[in-house]
Amino acid sequence: MKTTLSIKVTENEKLRLKRAANARNKTPSDLMREALEMILNDPDIVHRESCFEVAEDLLPYGTSDMPADLSSNKDHLKGFGE
């Protein structure tokens, strides 16, 4: 089942998309679907499944130094919110 997805573009972008589609004998929607598939199938994006994995390279220390259960072990939450 297909559904509609709307995006806002400038008049210039719309014109360029139409020209690119015409040059390839496709519709602008076809090109946008192809671009979306390329983005969604990018292995650098697909393999990242959590916020932690996305931000991991920003951490000042290695992940091996961190407890694995910060959010579920009540011992790590002692005193929080007091």
PDB file of N, CA and C in Angstrom:
ATOM      1  N   MET A   1       0.834  -1.172   0.000  1.00  0.00           N
ATOM      2  CA  MET A   1       0.000   0.000   0.000  1.00  0.00           C
ATOM      3  C   MET A   1       0.884   1.243   0.000  1.00  0.00           C
ATOM      4  N   LYS A   2       0.605   2.157  -0.861  1.00  0.00           N
ATOM      5  CA  LYS A   2       1.350   3.404  -0.923  1.00  0.00           C
ATOM      6  C   LYS A   2       0.613   4.478  -0.140  1.00  0.00           C
ATOM      7  N   THR A   3       1.391   5.421   0.358  1.00  0.00           N
ATOM      8  CA  THR A   3       0.842   6.557   1.068  1.00  0.00           C
ATOM      9  C   THR A   3       1.568   7.810   0.580  1.00  0.00           C
ATOM     10  N   THR A   4       1.057   8.951   0.915  1.00  0.00           N
ATOM     11  CA  THR A   4       1.639  10.204   0.455  1.00  0.00           C
ATOM     12  C   THR A   4       2.544  10.789   1.523  1.00  0.00           C
ATOM     13  N   LEU A   5       3.690  11.270   1.081  1.00  0.00           N
ATOM     14  CA  LEU A   5       4.638  11.959   1.944  1.00  0.00           C
ATOM     15  C   LEU A   5       4.908  13.311   1.303  1.00  0.00           C
ATOM     16  N   SER A   6       4.704  14.369   2.035  1.00  0.00           N
ATOM     17  CA  SER A   6       4.904  15.715   1.492  1.00  0.00           C
ATOM     18  C   SER A   6       6.171  16.326   2.058  1.00  0.00           C
ATOM     19  N   ILE A   7       6.905  17.026   1.211  1.00  0.00           N
ATOM     20  CA  ILE A   7       8.076  17.763   1.663  1.00  0.00           C
ATOM     21  C   ILE A   7       8.006  19.174   1.082  1.00  0.00           C
ATOM     22  N   LYS A   8       8.635  20.105   1.774  1.00  0.00           N
ATOM     23  CA  LYS A   8       8.676  21.468   1.276  1.00  0.00           C
ATOM     24  C   LYS A   8      10.025  21.683   0.600  1.00  0.00           C
ATOM     25  N   VAL A   9       9.981  22.196  -0.606  1.00  0.00           N
ATOM     26  CA  VAL A   9      11.192  22.502  -1.359  1.00  0.00           C
ATOM     27  C   VAL A   9      11.047  23.895  -1.947  1.00  0.00           C
ATOM     28  N   THR A  10      12.166  24.456  -2.334  1.00  0.00           N
ATOM     29  CA  THR A  10      12.118  25.767  -2.987  1.00  0.00           C
ATOM     30  C   THR A  10      11.638  25.569  -4.422  1.00  0.00           C
ATOM     31  N   GLU A  11      11.230  26.654  -5.044  1.00  0.00           N
ATOM     32  CA  GLU A  11      10.817  26.577  -6.450  1.00  0.00           C
ATOM     33  C   GLU A  11      11.964  26.071  -7.316  1.00  0.00           C
ATOM     34  N   ASN A  12      13.181  26.519  -6.996  1.00  0.00           N
ATOM     35  CA  ASN A  12      14.354  26.091  -7.749  1.00  0.00           C
ATOM     36  C   ASN A  12      14.574  24.586  -7.609  1.00  0.00           C
ATOM     37  N   GLU A  13      14.443  24.057  -6.398  1.00  0.00           N
ATOM     38  CA  GLU A  13      14.612  22.619  -6.186  1.00  0.00           C
ATOM     39  C   GLU A  13      13.550  21.830  -6.938  1.00  0.00           C
ATOM     40  N   LYS A  14      12.327  22.331  -6.921  1.00  0.00           N
ATOM     41  CA  LYS A  14      11.237  21.660  -7.636  1.00  0.00           C
ATOM     42  C   LYS A  14      11.515  21.619  -9.131  1.00  0.00           C
ATOM     43  N   LEU A  15      11.983  22.716  -9.682  1.00  0.00           N
ATOM     44  CA  LEU A  15      12.313  22.787 -11.100  1.00  0.00           C
ATOM     45  C   LEU A  15      13.462  21.837 -11.436  1.00  0.00           C
ATOM     46  N   ARG A  16      14.483  21.827 -10.604  1.00  0.00           N
ATOM     47  CA  ARG A  16      15.622  20.936 -10.839  1.00  0.00           C
ATOM     48  C   ARG A  16      15.208  19.462 -10.762  1.00  0.00           C
ATOM     49  N   LEU A  17      14.324  19.138  -9.813  1.00  0.00           N
ATOM     50  CA  LEU A  17      13.827  17.772  -9.698  1.00  0.00           C
ATOM     51  C   LEU A  17      13.058  17.367 -10.947  1.00  0.00           C
ATOM     52  N   LYS A  18      12.206  18.256 -11.436  1.00  0.00           N
ATOM     53  CA  LYS A  18      11.444  17.958 -12.654  1.00  0.00           C
ATOM     54  C   LYS A  18      12.376  17.741 -13.847  1.00  0.00           C
ATOM     55  N   ARG A  19      13.396  18.584 -13.968  1.00  0.00           N
ATOM     56  CA  ARG A  19      14.347  18.442 -15.064  1.00  0.00           C
ATOM     57  C   ARG A  19      15.113  17.123 -14.965  1.00  0.00           C
ATOM     58  N   ALA A  20      15.547  16.780 -13.757  1.00  0.00           N
ATOM     59  CA  ALA A  20      16.277  15.524 -13.562  1.00  0.00           C
ATOM     60  C   ALA A  20      15.387  14.326 -13.874  1.00  0.00           C
ATOM     61  N   ALA A  21      14.136  14.398 -13.467  1.00  0.00           N
ATOM     62  CA  ALA A  21      13.193  13.315 -13.743  1.00  0.00           C
ATOM     63  C   ALA A  21      12.962  13.180 -15.240  1.00  0.00           C
ATOM     64  N   ASN A  22      12.750  14.296 -15.923  1.00  0.00           N
ATOM     65  CA  ASN A  22      12.541  14.258 -17.380  1.00  0.00           C
ATOM     66  C   ASN A  22      13.751  13.678 -18.098  1.00  0.00           C
ATOM     67  N   ALA A  23      14.937  14.043 -17.663  1.00  0.00           N
ATOM     68  CA  ALA A  23      16.159  13.545 -18.298  1.00  0.00           C
ATOM     69  C   ALA A  23      16.295  12.034 -18.154  1.00  0.00           C
ATOM     70  N   ARG A  24      15.682  11.476 -17.116  1.00  0.00           N
ATOM     71  CA  ARG A  24      15.767  10.032 -16.863  1.00  0.00           C
ATOM     72  C   ARG A  24      14.493   9.297 -17.268  1.00  0.00           C
ATOM     73  N   ASN A  25      13.560  10.013 -17.890  1.00  0.00           N
ATOM     74  CA  ASN A  25      12.269   9.433 -18.269  1.00  0.00           C
ATOM     75  C   ASN A  25      11.549   8.825 -17.062  1.00  0.00           C
ATOM     76  N   LYS A  26      11.567   9.560 -15.960  1.00  0.00           N
ATOM     77  CA  LYS A  26      10.905   9.126 -14.735  1.00  0.00           C
ATOM     78  C   LYS A  26      10.074  10.282 -14.207  1.00  0.00           C
ATOM     79  N   THR A  27       9.268   9.990 -13.217  1.00  0.00           N
ATOM     80  CA  THR A  27       8.505  11.046 -12.561  1.00  0.00           C
ATOM     81  C   THR A  27       9.321  11.579 -11.376  1.00  0.00           C
ATOM     82  N   PRO A  28       9.024  12.798 -10.937  1.00  0.00           N
ATOM     83  CA  PRO A  28       9.696  13.299  -9.734  1.00  0.00           C
ATOM     84  C   PRO A  28       9.486  12.364  -8.532  1.00  0.00           C
ATOM     85  N   SER A  29       8.315  11.779  -8.428  1.00  0.00           N
ATOM     86  CA  SER A  29       8.050  10.844  -7.327  1.00  0.00           C
ATOM     87  C   SER A  29       8.967   9.630  -7.404  1.00  0.00           C
ATOM     88  N   ASP A  30       9.200   9.132  -8.642  1.00  0.00           N
ATOM     89  CA  ASP A  30      10.110   7.995  -8.809  1.00  0.00           C
ATOM     90  C   ASP A  30      11.502   8.341  -8.283  1.00  0.00           C
ATOM     91  N   LEU A  31      11.981   9.519  -8.647  1.00  0.00           N
ATOM     92  CA  LEU A  31      13.317   9.928  -8.200  1.00  0.00           C
ATOM     93  C   LEU A  31      13.376  10.077  -6.682  1.00  0.00           C
ATOM     94  N   MET A  32      12.340  10.639  -6.111  1.00  0.00           N
ATOM     95  CA  MET A  32      12.322  10.810  -4.655  1.00  0.00           C
ATOM     96  C   MET A  32      12.286   9.464  -3.939  1.00  0.00           C
ATOM     97  N   ARG A  33      11.533   8.500  -4.478  1.00  0.00           N
ATOM     98  CA  ARG A  33      11.511   7.156  -3.884  1.00  0.00           C
ATOM     99  C   ARG A  33      12.885   6.509  -3.977  1.00  0.00           C
ATOM    100  N   GLU A  34      13.561   6.674  -5.122  1.00  0.00           N
ATOM    101  CA  GLU A  34      14.912   6.120  -5.275  1.00  0.00           C
ATOM    102  C   GLU A  34      15.877   6.749  -4.271  1.00  0.00           C
ATOM    103  N   ALA A  35      15.785   8.064  -4.104  1.00  0.00           N
ATOM    104  CA  ALA A  35      16.654   8.753  -3.147  1.00  0.00           C
ATOM    105  C   ALA A  35      16.371   8.282  -1.728  1.00  0.00           C
ATOM    106  N   LEU A  36      15.107   8.115  -1.395  1.00  0.00           N
ATOM    107  CA  LEU A  36      14.726   7.641  -0.075  1.00  0.00           C
ATOM    108  C   LEU A  36      15.266   6.238   0.172  1.00  0.00           C
ATOM    109  N   GLU A  37      15.164   5.371  -0.812  1.00  0.00           N
ATOM    110  CA  GLU A  37      15.698   4.007  -0.685  1.00  0.00           C
ATOM    111  C   GLU A  37      17.204   4.025  -0.472  1.00  0.00           C
ATOM    112  N   MET A  38      17.917   4.890  -1.186  1.00  0.00           N
ATOM    113  CA  MET A  38      19.364   4.990  -1.023  1.00  0.00           C
ATOM    114  C   MET A  38      19.718   5.398   0.399  1.00  0.00           C
ATOM    115  N   ILE A  39      18.989   6.356   0.938  1.00  0.00           N
ATOM    116  CA  ILE A  39      19.251   6.823   2.298  1.00  0.00           C
ATOM    117  C   ILE A  39      18.929   5.731   3.308  1.00  0.00           C
ATOM    118  N   LEU A  40      17.769   5.098   3.164  1.00  0.00           N
ATOM    119  CA  LEU A  40      17.341   4.094   4.136  1.00  0.00           C
ATOM    120  C   LEU A  40      18.164   2.821   4.081  1.00  0.00           C
ATOM    121  N   ASN A  41      18.811   2.552   2.957  1.00  0.00           N
ATOM    122  CA  ASN A  41      19.639   1.357   2.826  1.00  0.00           C
ATOM    123  C   ASN A  41      21.115   1.628   3.063  1.00  0.00           C
ATOM    124  N   ASP A  42      21.468   2.866   3.415  1.00  0.00           N
ATOM    125  CA  ASP A  42      22.862   3.214   3.685  1.00  0.00           C
ATOM    126  C   ASP A  42      23.327   2.450   4.923  1.00  0.00           C
ATOM    127  N   PRO A  43      24.352   1.598   4.789  1.00  0.00           N
ATOM    128  CA  PRO A  43      24.789   0.784   5.927  1.00  0.00           C
ATOM    129  C   PRO A  43      25.272   1.616   7.108  1.00  0.00           C
ATOM    130  N   ASP A  44      25.761   2.824   6.865  1.00  0.00           N
ATOM    131  CA  ASP A  44      26.194   3.669   7.976  1.00  0.00           C
ATOM    132  C   ASP A  44      25.011   4.156   8.807  1.00  0.00           C
ATOM    133  N   ILE A  45      23.835   4.161   8.222  1.00  0.00           N
ATOM    134  CA  ILE A  45      22.639   4.585   8.941  1.00  0.00           C
ATOM    135  C   ILE A  45      21.885   3.377   9.484  1.00  0.00           C
ATOM    136  N   VAL A  46      21.751   2.344   8.674  1.00  0.00           N
ATOM    137  CA  VAL A  46      20.934   1.184   9.026  1.00  0.00           C
ATOM    138  C   VAL A  46      21.467   0.464  10.259  1.00  0.00           C
ATOM    139  N   HIS A  47      22.766   0.312  10.382  1.00  0.00           N
ATOM    140  CA  HIS A  47      23.296  -0.488  11.492  1.00  0.00           C
ATOM    141  C   HIS A  47      23.185   0.201  12.833  1.00  0.00           C
ATOM    142  N   ARG A  48      23.004   1.504  12.874  1.00  0.00           N
ATOM    143  CA  ARG A  48      22.879   2.219  14.144  1.00  0.00           C
ATOM    144  C   ARG A  48      21.447   2.085  14.648  1.00  0.00           C
ATOM    145  N   GLU A  49      21.313   1.364  15.749  1.00  0.00           N
ATOM    146  CA  GLU A  49      19.970   1.057  16.229  1.00  0.00           C
ATOM    147  C   GLU A  49      19.570   1.805  17.486  1.00  0.00           C
ATOM    148  N   SER A  50      20.516   2.456  18.142  1.00  0.00           N
ATOM    149  CA  SER A  50      20.150   3.125  19.384  1.00  0.00           C
ATOM    150  C   SER A  50      20.767   4.518  19.442  1.00  0.00           C
ATOM    151  N   CYS A  51      20.207   5.334  20.309  1.00  0.00           N
ATOM    152  CA  CYS A  51      20.765   6.671  20.515  1.00  0.00           C
ATOM    153  C   CYS A  51      22.187   6.564  21.047  1.00  0.00           C
ATOM    154  N   PHE A  52      22.421   5.584  21.899  1.00  0.00           N
ATOM    155  CA  PHE A  52      23.749   5.381  22.456  1.00  0.00           C
ATOM    156  C   PHE A  52      24.762   5.104  21.351  1.00  0.00           C
ATOM    157  N   GLU A  53      24.418   4.227  20.415  1.00  0.00           N
ATOM    158  CA  GLU A  53      25.335   3.916  19.329  1.00  0.00           C
ATOM    159  C   GLU A  53      25.605   5.138  18.461  1.00  0.00           C
ATOM    160  N   VAL A  54      24.598   5.963  18.260  1.00  0.00           N
ATOM    161  CA  VAL A  54      24.776   7.167  17.457  1.00  0.00           C
ATOM    162  C   VAL A  54      25.730   8.131  18.169  1.00  0.00           C
ATOM    163  N   ALA A  55      25.617   8.243  19.493  1.00  0.00           N
ATOM    164  CA  ALA A  55      26.418   9.200  20.257  1.00  0.00           C
ATOM    165  C   ALA A  55      27.705   8.600  20.814  1.00  0.00           C
ATOM    166  N   GLU A  56      27.932   7.336  20.611  1.00  0.00           N
ATOM    167  CA  GLU A  56      29.062   6.641  21.223  1.00  0.00           C
ATOM    168  C   GLU A  56      30.402   7.309  20.921  1.00  0.00           C
ATOM    169  N   ASP A  57      30.584   7.796  19.713  1.00  0.00           N
ATOM    170  CA  ASP A  57      31.856   8.417  19.359  1.00  0.00           C
ATOM    171  C   ASP A  57      32.060   9.767  20.061  1.00  0.00           C
ATOM    172  N   LEU A  58      31.025  10.291  20.705  1.00  0.00           N
ATOM    173  CA  LEU A  58      31.136  11.552  21.429  1.00  0.00           C
ATOM    174  C   LEU A  58      31.539  11.357  22.889  1.00  0.00           C
ATOM    175  N   LEU A  59      31.518  10.114  23.351  1.00  0.00           N
ATOM    176  CA  LEU A  59      31.828   9.835  24.750  1.00  0.00           C
ATOM    177  C   LEU A  59      33.316  10.022  25.010  1.00  0.00           C
ATOM    178  N   PRO A  60      33.660  10.642  26.147  1.00  0.00           N
ATOM    179  CA  PRO A  60      35.068  10.897  26.443  1.00  0.00           C
ATOM    180  C   PRO A  60      35.831   9.667  26.925  1.00  0.00           C
ATOM    181  N   TYR A  61      35.156   8.552  27.124  1.00  0.00           N
ATOM    182  CA  TYR A  61      35.802   7.341  27.611  1.00  0.00           C
ATOM    183  C   TYR A  61      35.245   6.153  26.847  1.00  0.00           C
ATOM    184  N   GLY A  62      35.925   5.057  26.938  1.00  0.00           N
ATOM    185  CA  GLY A  62      35.489   3.862  26.220  1.00  0.00           C
ATOM    186  C   GLY A  62      34.253   3.253  26.831  1.00  0.00           C
ATOM    187  N   THR A  63      33.489   2.560  26.043  1.00  0.00           N
ATOM    188  CA  THR A  63      32.256   1.943  26.527  1.00  0.00           C
ATOM    189  C   THR A  63      32.541   0.791  27.476  1.00  0.00           C
ATOM    190  N   SER A  64      33.739   0.228  27.430  1.00  0.00           N
ATOM    191  CA  SER A  64      34.060  -0.880  28.337  1.00  0.00           C
ATOM    192  C   SER A  64      34.141  -0.390  29.785  1.00  0.00           C
ATOM    193  N   ASP A  65      34.331   0.914  29.990  1.00  0.00           N
ATOM    194  CA  ASP A  65      34.407   1.471  31.341  1.00  0.00           C
ATOM    195  C   ASP A  65      33.030   1.717  31.954  1.00  0.00           C
ATOM    196  N   MET A  66      31.983   1.584  31.164  1.00  0.00           N
ATOM    197  CA  MET A  66      30.642   1.902  31.636  1.00  0.00           C
ATOM    198  C   MET A  66      29.901   0.644  32.074  1.00  0.00           C
ATOM    199  N   PRO A  67      29.139   0.732  33.166  1.00  0.00           N
ATOM    200  CA  PRO A  67      28.286  -0.395  33.531  1.00  0.00           C
ATOM    201  C   PRO A  67      27.234  -0.605  32.451  1.00  0.00           C
ATOM    202  N   ALA A  68      26.888  -1.832  32.194  1.00  0.00           N
ATOM    203  CA  ALA A  68      25.929  -2.141  31.131  1.00  0.00           C
ATOM    204  C   ALA A  68      24.489  -1.905  31.563  1.00  0.00           C
ATOM    205  N   ASP A  69      24.259  -1.737  32.863  1.00  0.00           N
ATOM    206  CA  ASP A  69      22.890  -1.702  33.355  1.00  0.00           C
ATOM    207  C   ASP A  69      22.536  -0.397  34.064  1.00  0.00           C
ATOM    208  N   LEU A  70      22.989   0.726  33.560  1.00  0.00           N
ATOM    209  CA  LEU A  70      22.724   2.004  34.219  1.00  0.00           C
ATOM    210  C   LEU A  70      21.236   2.305  34.378  1.00  0.00           C
ATOM    211  N   SER A  71      20.439   1.925  33.433  1.00  0.00           N
ATOM    212  CA  SER A  71      19.026   2.294  33.490  1.00  0.00           C
ATOM    213  C   SER A  71      18.159   1.290  34.229  1.00  0.00           C
ATOM    214  N   SER A  72      18.683   0.119  34.500  1.00  0.00           N
ATOM    215  CA  SER A  72      17.836  -0.889  35.130  1.00  0.00           C
ATOM    216  C   SER A  72      18.314  -1.310  36.526  1.00  0.00           C
ATOM    217  N   ASN A  73      19.545  -1.049  36.878  1.00  0.00           N
ATOM    218  CA  ASN A  73      20.058  -1.448  38.186  1.00  0.00           C
ATOM    219  C   ASN A  73      19.794  -0.324  39.183  1.00  0.00           C
ATOM    220  N   LYS A  74      18.957  -0.600  40.169  1.00  0.00           N
ATOM    221  CA  LYS A  74      18.562   0.423  41.143  1.00  0.00           C
ATOM    222  C   LYS A  74      19.745   0.919  41.969  1.00  0.00           C
ATOM    223  N   ASP A  75      20.817   0.131  42.064  1.00  0.00           N
ATOM    224  CA  ASP A  75      21.995   0.587  42.816  1.00  0.00           C
ATOM    225  C   ASP A  75      22.602   1.849  42.194  1.00  0.00           C
ATOM    226  N   HIS A  76      22.510   1.962  40.865  1.00  0.00           N
ATOM    227  CA  HIS A  76      23.060   3.137  40.178  1.00  0.00           C
ATOM    228  C   HIS A  76      22.157   4.360  40.339  1.00  0.00           C
ATOM    229  N   LEU A  77      20.940   4.151  40.810  1.00  0.00           N
ATOM    230  CA  LEU A  77      19.989   5.259  40.955  1.00  0.00           C
ATOM    231  C   LEU A  77      19.851   5.753  42.386  1.00  0.00           C
ATOM    232  N   LYS A  78      20.637   5.178  43.332  1.00  0.00           N
ATOM    233  CA  LYS A  78      20.557   5.598  44.735  1.00  0.00           C
ATOM    234  C   LYS A  78      20.859   7.076  44.854  1.00  0.00           C
ATOM    235  N   GLY A  79      19.987   7.801  45.519  1.00  0.00           N
ATOM    236  CA  GLY A  79      20.174   9.229  45.745  1.00  0.00           C
ATOM    237  C   GLY A  79      19.687  10.109  44.615  1.00  0.00           C
ATOM    238  N   PHE A  80      19.321   9.502  43.508  1.00  0.00           N
ATOM    239  CA  PHE A  80      18.852  10.300  42.378  1.00  0.00           C
ATOM    240  C   PHE A  80      17.505  10.910  42.695  1.00  0.00           C
ATOM    241  N   GLY A  81      17.379  12.198  42.500  1.00  0.00           N
ATOM    242  CA  GLY A  81      16.118  12.889  42.726  1.00  0.00           C
ATOM    243  C   GLY A  81      15.875  13.309  44.155  1.00  0.00           C
ATOM    244  N   GLU A  82      16.842  13.083  45.040  1.00  0.00           N
ATOM    245  CA  GLU A  82      16.669  13.462  46.455  1.00  0.00           C
ATOM    246  C   GLU A  82      17.196  14.856  46.707  1.00  0.00           C
TER     247      GLU A  82
END
